[in-house]
Amino acid sequence: MDSGEICDYPKTNMMRSLISASEIVFDQMEIWVRILDLPLGWMNQQRGSHAMSLTGQVIKMNVDSDRKASGAFLHARVAIEIDKPLHRGCFSV
């Protein structure tokens, strides 16, 4: 089968492309991050995004319809660069 040819797979049409492993770029991954013991004023989407951005690019944050987080920690999905070390803790002054 040639690259880009449409193949008939059970009840679906798929575009089949051939790609070598050396062409795949794997420089980021998404992980779930929890920040514990934030002040109550920071348990919202606006300030929480700022705190999470210290770890990486914020993809999704678990907040309610009022954009506030509840519970003991702030929880978000963050894209991190895999060639950089993980932050063990962040402190803000």
Protein backbone atom coordinates (compact mmCIF):
# COMPACT_ATOMS: atom_id res chain seq x y z
CA MET A 1 0.00 0.00 0.00
CA ASP A 2 1.39 3.42 -0.96
CA SER A 3 1.77 6.29 1.49
CA GLY A 4 -1.44 8.34 1.63
CA GLU A 5 -3.63 5.64 0.08
CA ILE A 6 -7.06 5.14 1.64
CA CYS A 7 -7.58 1.64 3.00
CA ASP A 8 -10.88 -0.02 3.81
CA TYR A 9 -10.84 -1.00 7.49
CA PRO A 10 -14.01 -2.45 9.08
CA LYS A 11 -16.66 0.23 8.34
CA THR A 12 -14.13 3.09 8.42
CA ASN A 13 -11.86 4.82 5.96
CA MET A 14 -8.43 5.57 7.33
CA MET A 15 -5.66 7.57 5.81
CA ARG A 16 -2.53 5.49 6.06
CA SER A 17 0.73 7.39 6.13
CA LEU A 18 4.16 5.94 6.59
CA ILE A 19 6.40 7.77 9.02
CA SER A 20 9.77 6.79 10.35
CA ALA A 21 10.59 6.83 14.05
CA SER A 22 13.23 9.52 13.51
CA GLU A 23 10.53 11.94 12.27
CA ILE A 24 8.54 11.75 15.52
CA VAL A 25 9.26 14.60 17.92
CA PHE A 26 8.71 13.73 21.58
CA ASP A 27 9.69 16.82 23.54
CA GLN A 28 6.61 17.36 25.74
CA MET A 29 4.22 15.29 27.78
CA GLU A 30 1.04 16.11 29.66
CA ILE A 31 0.79 15.20 33.34
CA TRP A 32 -1.67 15.92 36.14
CA VAL A 33 -0.21 18.20 38.82
CA ARG A 34 -1.44 18.95 42.34
CA ILE A 35 -0.41 22.01 44.30
CA LEU A 36 -1.00 21.60 48.02
CA ASP A 37 -1.52 24.25 50.71
CA LEU A 38 -2.34 27.20 48.46
CA PRO A 39 -3.95 30.18 50.19
CA LEU A 40 -7.74 30.23 49.72
CA GLY A 41 -7.46 33.35 47.54
CA TRP A 42 -5.36 31.36 45.06
CA MET A 43 -7.82 28.46 44.73
CA ASN A 44 -9.34 29.83 41.51
CA GLN A 45 -8.63 29.57 37.79
CA GLN A 46 -6.93 32.94 37.36
CA ARG A 47 -4.35 32.73 40.15
CA GLY A 48 -4.16 28.95 39.98
CA SER A 49 -3.16 29.14 36.31
CA HIS A 50 -0.34 31.47 37.28
CA ALA A 51 0.89 29.04 39.94
CA MET A 52 0.59 26.06 37.58
CA SER A 53 2.41 27.87 34.77
CA LEU A 54 5.57 27.70 36.90
CA THR A 55 5.51 23.96 36.16
CA GLY A 56 4.52 24.10 32.47
CA GLN A 57 1.81 25.10 30.01
CA VAL A 58 -1.65 24.71 31.61
CA ILE A 59 -3.93 22.53 29.46
CA LYS A 60 -6.92 22.02 31.78
CA MET A 61 -7.72 22.92 35.37
CA ASN A 62 -10.29 21.25 37.60
CA VAL A 63 -12.51 24.15 38.66
CA ASP A 64 -16.28 24.55 39.00
CA SER A 65 -18.59 26.79 36.94
CA ASP A 66 -17.57 29.78 39.07
CA ARG A 67 -13.91 29.10 38.15
CA LYS A 68 -13.10 28.18 41.75
CA ALA A 69 -11.38 25.06 43.03
CA SER A 70 -12.47 23.23 46.14
CA GLY A 71 -10.67 20.69 48.25
CA ALA A 72 -7.23 20.40 49.74
CA PHE A 73 -5.29 21.03 46.52
CA LEU A 74 -5.41 22.63 43.07
CA HIS A 75 -5.46 20.04 40.27
CA ALA A 76 -4.49 20.72 36.64
CA ARG A 77 -3.21 19.03 33.51
CA VAL A 78 0.10 20.60 32.50
CA ALA A 79 2.35 20.08 29.46
CA ILE A 80 5.96 19.82 30.57
CA GLU A 81 9.15 19.73 28.54
CA ILE A 82 10.76 16.34 29.05
CA ASP A 83 14.33 17.57 28.63
CA LYS A 84 14.06 19.84 31.69
CA PRO A 85 13.96 18.65 35.31
CA LEU A 86 10.68 18.60 37.22
CA HIS A 87 10.08 21.21 39.90
CA ARG A 88 9.92 19.61 43.33
CA GLY A 89 8.47 22.73 44.94
CA CYS A 90 7.75 26.36 44.06
CA PHE A 91 7.79 29.26 46.44
CA SER A 92 6.49 32.74 45.75
CA VAL A 93 7.31 35.89 47.70
